[in-house]
Amino acid sequence: GVSRIHVINILERPGIPEVTIETEGQAKAGDKVIVRCTCS
């Protein structure tokens, strides 16, 4: 017989994002705060 192969690349949807604050303690006015968003 004759044949042909078709390749479909699989795309993965991103997961639910997670937000974390990397600054310890309470943030006061004028402090620098690091906010990190992570998505796998």
Full PDB file with SEQRES, HELIX, SHEET, SSBOND, CRYST1, ORIGX, SCALE, CONECT and MASTER records, all heavy atoms in Angstrom:
SEQRES   1 A   40  GLY VAL SER ARG ILE HIS VAL ILE ASN ILE LEU GLU ARG          
SEQRES   2 A   40  PRO GLY ILE PRO GLU VAL THR ILE GLU THR GLU GLY GLN          
SEQRES   3 A   40  ALA LYS ALA GLY ASP LYS VAL ILE VAL ARG CYS THR CYS          
SEQRES   4 A   40  SER                                                          
SHEET    1 AA1 2 GLU A  18  ILE A  21  0                                        
SHEET    2 AA1 2 VAL A  35  THR A  38 -1                                        
CRYST1    1.000    1.000    1.000  90.00  90.00  90.00 P 1           1          
ORIGX1      1.000000  0.000000  0.000000        0.00000                         
ORIGX2      0.000000  1.000000  0.000000        0.00000                         
ORIGX3      0.000000  0.000000  1.000000        0.00000                         
SCALE1      1.000000  0.000000  0.000000        0.00000                         
SCALE2      0.000000  1.000000  0.000000        0.00000                         
SCALE3      0.000000  0.000000  1.000000        0.00000                         
ATOM      1  N   GLY A   1       0.820  -1.202   0.000  1.00  0.00           N  
ATOM      2  CA  GLY A   1       0.000   0.000   0.000  1.00  0.00           C  
ATOM      3  C   GLY A   1       0.860   1.259   0.000  1.00  0.00           C  
ATOM      4  O   GLY A   1       2.083   1.196   0.087  1.00  0.00           O  
ATOM      5  N   VAL A   2       0.210   2.396  -0.116  1.00  0.00           N  
ATOM      6  CA  VAL A   2       0.907   3.678  -0.012  1.00  0.00           C  
ATOM      7  C   VAL A   2       0.416   4.375   1.250  1.00  0.00           C  
ATOM      8  O   VAL A   2      -0.726   4.189   1.673  1.00  0.00           O  
ATOM      9  CB  VAL A   2       0.680   4.580  -1.253  1.00  0.00           C  
ATOM     10  CG1 VAL A   2       1.323   3.978  -2.482  1.00  0.00           C  
ATOM     11  CG2 VAL A   2      -0.790   4.826  -1.495  1.00  0.00           C  
ATOM     12  N   SER A   3       1.289   5.177   1.863  1.00  0.00           N  
ATOM     13  CA  SER A   3       0.883   5.847   3.089  1.00  0.00           C  
ATOM     14  C   SER A   3       1.596   7.185   3.230  1.00  0.00           C  
ATOM     15  O   SER A   3       2.579   7.460   2.545  1.00  0.00           O  
ATOM     16  CB  SER A   3       1.169   4.974   4.308  1.00  0.00           C  
ATOM     17  OG  SER A   3       2.561   4.823   4.502  1.00  0.00           O  
ATOM     18  N   ARG A   4       1.057   7.975   4.131  1.00  0.00           N  
ATOM     19  CA  ARG A   4       1.642   9.287   4.452  1.00  0.00           C  
ATOM     20  C   ARG A   4       1.424   9.496   5.940  1.00  0.00           C  
ATOM     21  O   ARG A   4       0.363   9.201   6.477  1.00  0.00           O  
ATOM     22  CB  ARG A   4       0.950  10.372   3.635  1.00  0.00           C  
ATOM     23  CG  ARG A   4       1.241  11.791   4.002  1.00  0.00           C  
ATOM     24  CD  ARG A   4       2.452  12.394   3.376  1.00  0.00           C  
ATOM     25  NE  ARG A   4       2.696  11.999   2.018  1.00  0.00           N  
ATOM     26  CZ  ARG A   4       3.186  12.796   1.110  1.00  0.00           C  
ATOM     27  NH1 ARG A   4       3.447  14.030   1.402  1.00  0.00           N  
ATOM     28  NH2 ARG A   4       3.440  12.365  -0.092  1.00  0.00           N  
ATOM     29  N   ILE A   5       2.433  10.043   6.613  1.00  0.00           N  
ATOM     30  CA  ILE A   5       2.349  10.324   8.050  1.00  0.00           C  
ATOM     31  C   ILE A   5       2.176  11.821   8.253  1.00  0.00           C  
ATOM     32  O   ILE A   5       2.880  12.625   7.645  1.00  0.00           O  
ATOM     33  CB  ILE A   5       3.603   9.816   8.787  1.00  0.00           C  
ATOM     34  CG1 ILE A   5       3.640   8.290   8.730  1.00  0.00           C  
ATOM     35  CG2 ILE A   5       3.610  10.298  10.240  1.00  0.00           C  
ATOM     36  CD1 ILE A   5       4.882   7.663   9.341  1.00  0.00           C  
ATOM     37  N   HIS A   6       1.220  12.173   9.101  1.00  0.00           N  
ATOM     38  CA  HIS A   6       0.984  13.566   9.485  1.00  0.00           C  
ATOM     39  C   HIS A   6       1.358  13.700  10.961  1.00  0.00           C  
ATOM     40  O   HIS A   6       0.894  12.922  11.793  1.00  0.00           O  
ATOM     41  CB  HIS A   6      -0.488  13.940   9.271  1.00  0.00           C  
ATOM     42  CG  HIS A   6      -0.799  15.364   9.573  1.00  0.00           C  
ATOM     43  ND1 HIS A   6      -0.534  16.380   8.688  1.00  0.00           N  
ATOM     44  CD2 HIS A   6      -1.328  15.946  10.671  1.00  0.00           C  
ATOM     45  CE1 HIS A   6      -0.911  17.531   9.225  1.00  0.00           C  
ATOM     46  NE2 HIS A   6      -1.396  17.289  10.427  1.00  0.00           N  
ATOM     47  N   VAL A   7       2.218  14.652  11.267  1.00  0.00           N  
ATOM     48  CA  VAL A   7       2.669  14.858  12.638  1.00  0.00           C  
ATOM     49  C   VAL A   7       1.956  16.072  13.218  1.00  0.00           C  
ATOM     50  O   VAL A   7       1.953  17.146  12.621  1.00  0.00           O  
ATOM     51  CB  VAL A   7       4.206  15.069  12.697  1.00  0.00           C  
ATOM     52  CG1 VAL A   7       4.654  15.348  14.125  1.00  0.00           C  
ATOM     53  CG2 VAL A   7       4.931  13.845  12.144  1.00  0.00           C  
ATOM     54  N   ILE A   8       1.347  15.882  14.395  1.00  0.00           N  
ATOM     55  CA  ILE A   8       0.685  16.974  15.108  1.00  0.00           C  
ATOM     56  C   ILE A   8       1.504  17.269  16.355  1.00  0.00           C  
ATOM     57  O   ILE A   8       1.680  16.395  17.214  1.00  0.00           O  
ATOM     58  CB  ILE A   8      -0.755  16.599  15.517  1.00  0.00           C  
ATOM     59  CG1 ILE A   8      -1.592  16.254  14.291  1.00  0.00           C  
ATOM     60  CG2 ILE A   8      -1.396  17.729  16.314  1.00  0.00           C  
ATOM     61  CD1 ILE A   8      -2.958  15.691  14.621  1.00  0.00           C  
ATOM     62  N   ASN A   9       2.031  18.475  16.439  1.00  0.00           N  
ATOM     63  CA  ASN A   9       2.771  18.877  17.636  1.00  0.00           C  
ATOM     64  C   ASN A   9       1.785  19.140  18.768  1.00  0.00           C  
ATOM     65  O   ASN A   9       0.740  19.740  18.561  1.00  0.00           O  
ATOM     66  CB  ASN A   9       3.611  20.127  17.363  1.00  0.00           C  
ATOM     67  CG  ASN A   9       4.756  19.813  16.424  1.00  0.00           C  
ATOM     68  OD1 ASN A   9       5.496  18.867  16.639  1.00  0.00           O  
ATOM     69  ND2 ASN A   9       4.879  20.580  15.363  1.00  0.00           N  
ATOM     70  N   ILE A  10       2.142  18.697  19.967  1.00  0.00           N  
ATOM     71  CA  ILE A  10       1.263  18.844  21.121  1.00  0.00           C  
ATOM     72  C   ILE A  10       1.620  20.121  21.868  1.00  0.00           C  
ATOM     73  O   ILE A  10       2.759  20.305  22.301  1.00  0.00           O  
ATOM     74  CB  ILE A  10       1.381  17.626  22.060  1.00  0.00           C  
ATOM     75  CG1 ILE A  10       0.951  16.364  21.321  1.00  0.00           C  
ATOM     76  CG2 ILE A  10       0.552  17.838  23.327  1.00  0.00           C  
ATOM     77  CD1 ILE A  10       1.170  15.083  22.093  1.00  0.00           C  
ATOM     78  N   LEU A  11       0.633  21.006  21.979  1.00  0.00           N  
ATOM     79  CA  LEU A  11       0.804  22.242  22.733  1.00  0.00           C  
ATOM     80  C   LEU A  11       0.278  22.019  24.146  1.00  0.00           C  
ATOM     81  O   LEU A  11      -0.774  21.415  24.328  1.00  0.00           O  
ATOM     82  CB  LEU A  11       0.028  23.385  22.071  1.00  0.00           C  
ATOM     83  CG  LEU A  11       0.336  23.650  20.594  1.00  0.00           C  
ATOM     84  CD1 LEU A  11      -0.613  24.713  20.056  1.00  0.00           C  
ATOM     85  CD2 LEU A  11       1.773  24.090  20.433  1.00  0.00           C  
ATOM     86  N   GLU A  12       1.009  22.505  25.128  1.00  0.00           N  
ATOM     87  CA  GLU A  12       0.551  22.369  26.506  1.00  0.00           C  
ATOM     88  C   GLU A  12       0.080  23.716  27.007  1.00  0.00           C  
ATOM     89  O   GLU A  12       0.805  24.706  26.932  1.00  0.00           O  
ATOM     90  CB  GLU A  12       1.669  21.829  27.386  1.00  0.00           C  
ATOM     91  CG  GLU A  12       2.010  20.392  27.071  1.00  0.00           C  
ATOM     92  CD  GLU A  12       2.911  19.777  28.113  1.00  0.00           C  
ATOM     93  OE1 GLU A  12       2.601  19.888  29.313  1.00  0.00           O  
ATOM     94  OE2 GLU A  12       3.932  19.209  27.724  1.00  0.00           O  
ATOM     95  N   ARG A  13      -1.130  23.705  27.521  1.00  0.00           N  
ATOM     96  CA  ARG A  13      -1.680  24.933  28.072  1.00  0.00           C  
ATOM     97  C   ARG A  13      -0.932  25.272  29.356  1.00  0.00           C  
ATOM     98  O   ARG A  13      -0.529  24.379  30.101  1.00  0.00           O  
ATOM     99  CB  ARG A  13      -3.162  24.759  28.392  1.00  0.00           C  
ATOM    100  CG  ARG A  13      -4.013  24.679  27.165  1.00  0.00           C  
ATOM    101  CD  ARG A  13      -5.494  24.740  27.565  1.00  0.00           C  
ATOM    102  NE  ARG A  13      -6.323  24.872  26.398  1.00  0.00           N  
ATOM    103  CZ  ARG A  13      -6.961  23.876  25.820  1.00  0.00           C  
ATOM    104  NH1 ARG A  13      -6.868  22.677  26.315  1.00  0.00           N  
ATOM    105  NH2 ARG A  13      -7.694  24.087  24.759  1.00  0.00           N  
ATOM    106  N   PRO A  14      -0.795  26.561  29.641  1.00  0.00           N  
ATOM    107  CA  PRO A  14      -0.149  26.928  30.896  1.00  0.00           C  
ATOM    108  C   PRO A  14      -1.050  26.583  32.082  1.00  0.00           C  
ATOM    109  O   PRO A  14      -2.273  26.547  31.945  1.00  0.00           O  
ATOM    110  CB  PRO A  14       0.041  28.445  30.769  1.00  0.00           C  
ATOM    111  CG  PRO A  14      -0.955  28.882  29.762  1.00  0.00           C  
ATOM    112  CD  PRO A  14      -1.148  27.718  28.841  1.00  0.00           C  
ATOM    113  N   GLY A  15      -0.425  26.328  33.225  1.00  0.00           N  
ATOM    114  CA  GLY A  15      -1.178  26.041  34.437  1.00  0.00           C  
ATOM    115  C   GLY A  15      -1.700  27.334  35.058  1.00  0.00           C  
ATOM    116  O   GLY A  15      -1.462  28.448  34.556  1.00  0.00           O  
ATOM    117  N   ILE A  16      -2.387  27.213  36.168  1.00  0.00           N  
ATOM    118  CA  ILE A  16      -2.928  28.379  36.882  1.00  0.00           C  
ATOM    119  C   ILE A  16      -1.768  29.140  37.504  1.00  0.00           C  
ATOM    120  O   ILE A  16      -0.896  28.551  38.150  1.00  0.00           O  
ATOM    121  CB  ILE A  16      -3.929  27.923  37.961  1.00  0.00           C  
ATOM    122  CG1 ILE A  16      -5.105  27.218  37.278  1.00  0.00           C  
ATOM    123  CG2 ILE A  16      -4.391  29.091  38.819  1.00  0.00           C  
ATOM    124  CD1 ILE A  16      -6.065  26.568  38.226  1.00  0.00           C  
ATOM    125  N   PRO A  17      -1.729  30.452  37.319  1.00  0.00           N  
ATOM    126  CA  PRO A  17      -0.614  31.218  37.868  1.00  0.00           C  
ATOM    127  C   PRO A  17      -0.677  31.278  39.399  1.00  0.00           C  
ATOM    128  O   PRO A  17      -1.746  31.213  39.994  1.00  0.00           O  
ATOM    129  CB  PRO A  17      -0.794  32.607  37.256  1.00  0.00           C  
ATOM    130  CG  PRO A  17      -2.223  32.684  36.871  1.00  0.00           C  
ATOM    131  CD  PRO A  17      -2.665  31.292  36.575  1.00  0.00           C  
ATOM    132  N   GLU A  18       0.508  31.383  39.976  1.00  0.00           N  
ATOM    133  CA  GLU A  18       0.619  31.490  41.431  1.00  0.00           C  
ATOM    134  C   GLU A  18       1.392  32.768  41.740  1.00  0.00           C  
ATOM    135  O   GLU A  18       2.458  33.002  41.177  1.00  0.00           O  
ATOM    136  CB  GLU A  18       1.359  30.264  41.972  1.00  0.00           C  
ATOM    137  CG  GLU A  18       1.476  30.237  43.469  1.00  0.00           C  
ATOM    138  CD  GLU A  18       2.221  28.993  43.930  1.00  0.00           C  
ATOM    139  OE1 GLU A  18       1.876  27.890  43.483  1.00  0.00           O  
ATOM    140  OE2 GLU A  18       3.150  29.159  44.732  1.00  0.00           O  
ATOM    141  N   VAL A  19       0.843  33.588  42.615  1.00  0.00           N  
ATOM    142  CA  VAL A  19       1.478  34.848  42.971  1.00  0.00           C  
ATOM    143  C   VAL A  19       2.026  34.736  44.392  1.00  0.00           C  
ATOM    144  O   VAL A  19       1.326  34.299  45.304  1.00  0.00           O  
ATOM    145  CB  VAL A  19       0.475  36.026  42.879  1.00  0.00           C  
ATOM    146  CG1 VAL A  19       1.134  37.321  43.302  1.00  0.00           C  
ATOM    147  CG2 VAL A  19      -0.078  36.136  41.468  1.00  0.00           C  
ATOM    148  N   THR A  20       3.296  35.114  44.564  1.00  0.00           N  
ATOM    149  CA  THR A  20       3.924  35.110  45.889  1.00  0.00           C  
ATOM    150  C   THR A  20       4.613  36.445  46.133  1.00  0.00           C  
ATOM    151  O   THR A  20       5.065  37.114  45.201  1.00  0.00           O  
ATOM    152  CB  THR A  20       4.954  33.973  46.014  1.00  0.00           C  
ATOM    153  OG1 THR A  20       5.919  34.102  44.975  1.00  0.00           O  
ATOM    154  CG2 THR A  20       4.295  32.608  45.929  1.00  0.00           C  
ATOM    155  N   ILE A  21       4.692  36.822  47.399  1.00  0.00           N  
ATOM    156  CA  ILE A  21       5.416  38.031  47.789  1.00  0.00           C  
ATOM    157  C   ILE A  21       6.667  37.569  48.505  1.00  0.00           C  
ATOM    158  O   ILE A  21       6.599  36.778  49.452  1.00  0.00           O  
ATOM    159  CB  ILE A  21       4.548  38.932  48.711  1.00  0.00           C  
ATOM    160  CG1 ILE A  21       3.300  39.375  47.940  1.00  0.00           C  
ATOM    161  CG2 ILE A  21       5.358  40.111  49.221  1.00  0.00           C  
ATOM    162  CD1 ILE A  21       2.313  40.153  48.768  1.00  0.00           C  
ATOM    163  N   GLU A  22       7.819  38.053  48.040  1.00  0.00           N  
ATOM    164  CA  GLU A  22       9.086  37.582  48.573  1.00  0.00           C  
ATOM    165  C   GLU A  22       9.650  38.478  49.671  1.00  0.00           C  
ATOM    166  O   GLU A  22      10.737  38.241  50.151  1.00  0.00           O  
ATOM    167  CB  GLU A  22      10.090  37.419  47.427  1.00  0.00           C  
ATOM    168  CG  GLU A  22       9.668  36.319  46.466  1.00  0.00           C  
ATOM    169  CD  GLU A  22      10.730  35.972  45.457  1.00  0.00           C  
ATOM    170  OE1 GLU A  22      11.844  36.501  45.535  1.00  0.00           O  
ATOM    171  OE2 GLU A  22      10.429  35.163  44.565  1.00  0.00           O  
ATOM    172  N   THR A  23       8.940  39.507  50.049  1.00  0.00           N  
ATOM    173  CA  THR A  23       9.406  40.391  51.098  1.00  0.00           C  
ATOM    174  C   THR A  23       8.910  39.853  52.437  1.00  0.00           C  
ATOM    175  O   THR A  23       7.738  39.502  52.573  1.00  0.00           O  
ATOM    176  CB  THR A  23       8.866  41.817  50.873  1.00  0.00           C  
ATOM    177  OG1 THR A  23       9.231  42.211  49.560  1.00  0.00           O  
ATOM    178  CG2 THR A  23       9.408  42.779  51.900  1.00  0.00           C  
ATOM    179  N   GLU A  24       9.825  39.784  53.408  1.00  0.00           N  
ATOM    180  CA  GLU A  24       9.425  39.273  54.718  1.00  0.00           C  
ATOM    181  C   GLU A  24       8.808  40.381  55.554  1.00  0.00           C  
ATOM    182  O   GLU A  24       9.188  41.544  55.459  1.00  0.00           O  
ATOM    183  CB  GLU A  24      10.642  38.691  55.433  1.00  0.00           C  
ATOM    184  CG  GLU A  24      11.149  37.427  54.760  1.00  0.00           C  
ATOM    185  CD  GLU A  24      12.304  36.811  55.533  1.00  0.00           C  
ATOM    186  OE1 GLU A  24      12.398  37.030  56.739  1.00  0.00           O  
ATOM    187  OE2 GLU A  24      13.084  36.114  54.883  1.00  0.00           O  
ATOM    188  N   GLY A  25       7.899  39.971  56.368  1.00  0.00           N  
ATOM    189  CA  GLY A  25       7.273  40.939  57.263  1.00  0.00           C  
ATOM    190  C   GLY A  25       6.243  41.776  56.542  1.00  0.00           C  
ATOM    191  O   GLY A  25       5.830  41.495  55.422  1.00  0.00           O  
ATOM    192  N   GLN A  26       5.861  42.855  57.216  1.00  0.00           N  
ATOM    193  CA  GLN A  26       4.858  43.746  56.646  1.00  0.00           C  
ATOM    194  C   GLN A  26       5.523  44.784  55.758  1.00  0.00           C  
ATOM    195  O   GLN A  26       6.631  45.235  56.039  1.00  0.00           O  
ATOM    196  CB  GLN A  26       4.092  44.454  57.761  1.00  0.00           C  
ATOM    197  CG  GLN A  26       3.225  43.504  58.548  1.00  0.00           C  
ATOM    198  CD  GLN A  26       2.395  44.255  59.582  1.00  0.00           C  
ATOM    199  OE1 GLN A  26       2.716  45.388  59.937  1.00  0.00           O  
ATOM    200  NE2 GLN A  26       1.343  43.624  60.047  1.00  0.00           N  
ATOM    201  N   ALA A  27       4.831  45.148  54.708  1.00  0.00           N  
ATOM    202  CA  ALA A  27       5.349  46.170  53.799  1.00  0.00           C  
ATOM    203  C   ALA A  27       4.889  47.525  54.311  1.00  0.00           C  
ATOM    204  O   ALA A  27       3.722  47.717  54.638  1.00  0.00           O  
ATOM    205  CB  ALA A  27       4.837  45.922  52.392  1.00  0.00           C  
ATOM    206  N   LYS A  28       5.844  48.438  54.401  1.00  0.00           N  
ATOM    207  CA  LYS A  28       5.528  49.794  54.830  1.00  0.00           C  
ATOM    208  C   LYS A  28       5.662  50.713  53.642  1.00  0.00           C  
ATOM    209  O   LYS A  28       6.389  50.419  52.691  1.00  0.00           O  
ATOM    210  CB  LYS A  28       6.485  50.226  55.932  1.00  0.00           C  
ATOM    211  CG  LYS A  28       6.381  49.383  57.173  1.00  0.00           C  
ATOM    212  CD  LYS A  28       7.368  49.860  58.198  1.00  0.00           C  
ATOM    213  CE  LYS A  28       7.345  48.905  59.384  1.00  0.00           C  
ATOM    214  NZ  LYS A  28       8.460  49.089  60.246  1.00  0.00           N  
ATOM    215  N   ALA A  29       4.987  51.827  53.699  1.00  0.00           N  
ATOM    216  CA  ALA A  29       5.056  52.802  52.618  1.00  0.00           C  
ATOM    217  C   ALA A  29       6.512  53.135  52.335  1.00  0.00           C  
ATOM    218  O   ALA A  29       7.294  53.390  53.241  1.00  0.00           O  
ATOM    219  CB  ALA A  29       4.280  54.060  52.989  1.00  0.00           C  
ATOM    220  N   GLY A  30       6.910  53.074  51.059  1.00  0.00           N  
ATOM    221  CA  GLY A  30       8.274  53.377  50.629  1.00  0.00           C  
ATOM    222  C   GLY A  30       9.156  52.151  50.525  1.00  0.00           C  
ATOM    223  O   GLY A  30      10.238  52.213  49.948  1.00  0.00           O  
ATOM    224  N   ASP A  31       8.746  50.997  51.105  1.00  0.00           N  
ATOM    225  CA  ASP A  31       9.539  49.770  50.994  1.00  0.00           C  
ATOM    226  C   ASP A  31       9.413  49.199  49.586  1.00  0.00           C  
ATOM    227  O   ASP A  31       8.382  49.348  48.924  1.00  0.00           O  
ATOM    228  CB  ASP A  31       9.042  48.702  51.979  1.00  0.00           C  
ATOM    229  CG  ASP A  31       9.388  48.986  53.424  1.00  0.00           C  
ATOM    230  OD1 ASP A  31      10.158  49.938  53.660  1.00  0.00           O  
ATOM    231  OD2 ASP A  31       8.882  48.252  54.297  1.00  0.00           O  
ATOM    232  N   LYS A  32      10.466  48.530  49.155  1.00  0.00           N  
ATOM    233  CA  LYS A  32      10.404  47.796  47.885  1.00  0.00           C  
ATOM    234  C   LYS A  32       9.885  46.399  48.175  1.00  0.00           C  
ATOM    235  O   LYS A  32      10.366  45.738  49.074  1.00  0.00           O  
ATOM    236  CB  LYS A  32      11.771  47.730  47.221  1.00  0.00           C  
ATOM    237  CG  LYS A  32      12.221  49.083  46.739  1.00  0.00           C  
ATOM    238  CD  LYS A  32      13.465  48.976  45.908  1.00  0.00           C  
ATOM    239  CE  LYS A  32      13.829  50.376  45.445  1.00  0.00           C  
ATOM    240  NZ  LYS A  32      14.963  50.391  44.583  1.00  0.00           N  
ATOM    241  N   VAL A  33       8.875  45.999  47.394  1.00  0.00           N  
ATOM    242  CA  VAL A  33       8.241  44.699  47.568  1.00  0.00           C  
ATOM    243  C   VAL A  33       8.429  43.899  46.277  1.00  0.00           C  
ATOM    244  O   VAL A  33       8.189  44.397  45.181  1.00  0.00           O  
ATOM    245  CB  VAL A  33       6.733  44.868  47.866  1.00  0.00           C  
ATOM    246  CG1 VAL A  33       6.063  43.512  47.998  1.00  0.00           C  
ATOM    247  CG2 VAL A  33       6.516  45.703  49.122  1.00  0.00           C  
ATOM    248  N   ILE A  34       8.859  42.666  46.421  1.00  0.00           N  
ATOM    249  CA  ILE A  34       9.023  41.792  45.234  1.00  0.00           C  
ATOM    250  C   ILE A  34       7.809  40.885  45.161  1.00  0.00           C  
ATOM    251  O   ILE A  34       7.549  40.104  46.068  1.00  0.00           O  
ATOM    252  CB  ILE A  34      10.328  40.962  45.316  1.00  0.00           C  
ATOM    253  CG1 ILE A  34      11.544  41.893  45.343  1.00  0.00           C  
ATOM    254  CG2 ILE A  34      10.397  39.974  44.156  1.00  0.00           C  
ATOM    255  CD1 ILE A  34      12.851  41.171  45.561  1.00  0.00           C  
ATOM    256  N   VAL A  35       7.073  41.033  44.062  1.00  0.00           N  
ATOM    257  CA  VAL A  35       5.911  40.190  43.799  1.00  0.00           C  
ATOM    258  C   VAL A  35       6.272  39.301  42.612  1.00  0.00           C  
ATOM    259  O   VAL A  35       6.678  39.782  41.561  1.00  0.00           O  
ATOM    260  CB  VAL A  35       4.664  41.041  43.474  1.00  0.00           C  
ATOM    261  CG1 VAL A  35       3.489  40.138  43.178  1.00  0.00           C  
ATOM    262  CG2 VAL A  35       4.353  41.988  44.610  1.00  0.00           C  
ATOM    263  N   ARG A  36       6.160  37.987  42.791  1.00  0.00           N  
ATOM    264  CA  ARG A  36       6.552  37.043  41.718  1.00  0.00           C  
ATOM    265  C   ARG A  36       5.322  36.247  41.280  1.00  0.00           C  
ATOM    266  O   ARG A  36       4.595  35.726  42.104  1.00  0.00           O  
ATOM    267  CB  ARG A  36       7.636  36.107  42.233  1.00  0.00           C  
ATOM    268  CG  ARG A  36       8.152  35.174  41.167  1.00  0.00           C  
ATOM    269  CD  ARG A  36       9.288  34.323  41.680  1.00  0.00           C  
ATOM    270  NE  ARG A  36      10.327  35.155  42.275  1.00  0.00           N  
ATOM    271  CZ  ARG A  36      11.504  35.439  41.708  1.00  0.00           C  
ATOM    272  NH1 ARG A  36      11.759  34.966  40.517  1.00  0.00           N  
ATOM    273  NH2 ARG A  36      12.392  36.178  42.321  1.00  0.00           N  
ATOM    274  N   CYS A  37       5.153  36.170  39.949  1.00  0.00           N  
ATOM    275  CA  CYS A  37       4.083  35.375  39.349  1.00  0.00           C  
ATOM    276  C   CYS A  37       4.742  34.173  38.670  1.00  0.00           C  
ATOM    277  O   CYS A  37       5.624  34.336  37.842  1.00  0.00           O  
ATOM    278  CB  CYS A  37       3.299  36.199  38.328  1.00  0.00           C  
ATOM    279  SG  CYS A  37       1.991  35.262  37.532  1.00  0.00           S  
ATOM    280  N   THR A  38       4.292  32.978  39.031  1.00  0.00           N  
ATOM    281  CA  THR A  38       4.864  31.746  38.472  1.00  0.00           C  
ATOM    282  C   THR A  38       3.759  30.935  37.812  1.00  0.00           C  
ATOM    283  O   THR A  38       2.661  30.802  38.351  1.00  0.00           O  
ATOM    284  CB  THR A  38       5.505  30.893  39.597  1.00  0.00           C  
ATOM    285  OG1 THR A  38       6.423  31.699  40.331  1.00  0.00           O  
ATOM    286  CG2 THR A  38       6.220  29.701  39.028  1.00  0.00           C  
ATOM    287  N   CYS A  39       4.090  30.423  36.638  1.00  0.00           N  
ATOM    288  CA  CYS A  39       3.137  29.601  35.898  1.00  0.00           C  
ATOM    289  C   CYS A  39       3.918  28.472  35.255  1.00  0.00           C  
ATOM    290  O   CYS A  39       4.946  28.702  34.621  1.00  0.00           O  
ATOM    291  CB  CYS A  39       2.447  30.457  34.836  1.00  0.00           C  
ATOM    292  SG  CYS A  39       1.264  29.529  33.880  1.00  0.00           S  
ATOM    293  N   SER A  40       3.435  27.244  35.413  1.00  0.00           N  
ATOM    294  CA  SER A  40       4.139  26.126  34.778  1.00  0.00           C  
ATOM    295  C   SER A  40       3.342  25.656  33.560  1.00  0.00           C  
ATOM    296  O   SER A  40       2.141  25.860  33.474  1.00  0.00           O  
ATOM    297  CB  SER A  40       4.304  24.975  35.784  1.00  0.00           C  
ATOM    298  OG  SER A  40       3.056  24.559  36.250  1.00  0.00           O  
TER     299      SER A  40                                                      
MASTER        0    0    0    0    2    0    0    6  298    1    0    4          
END                                                                             
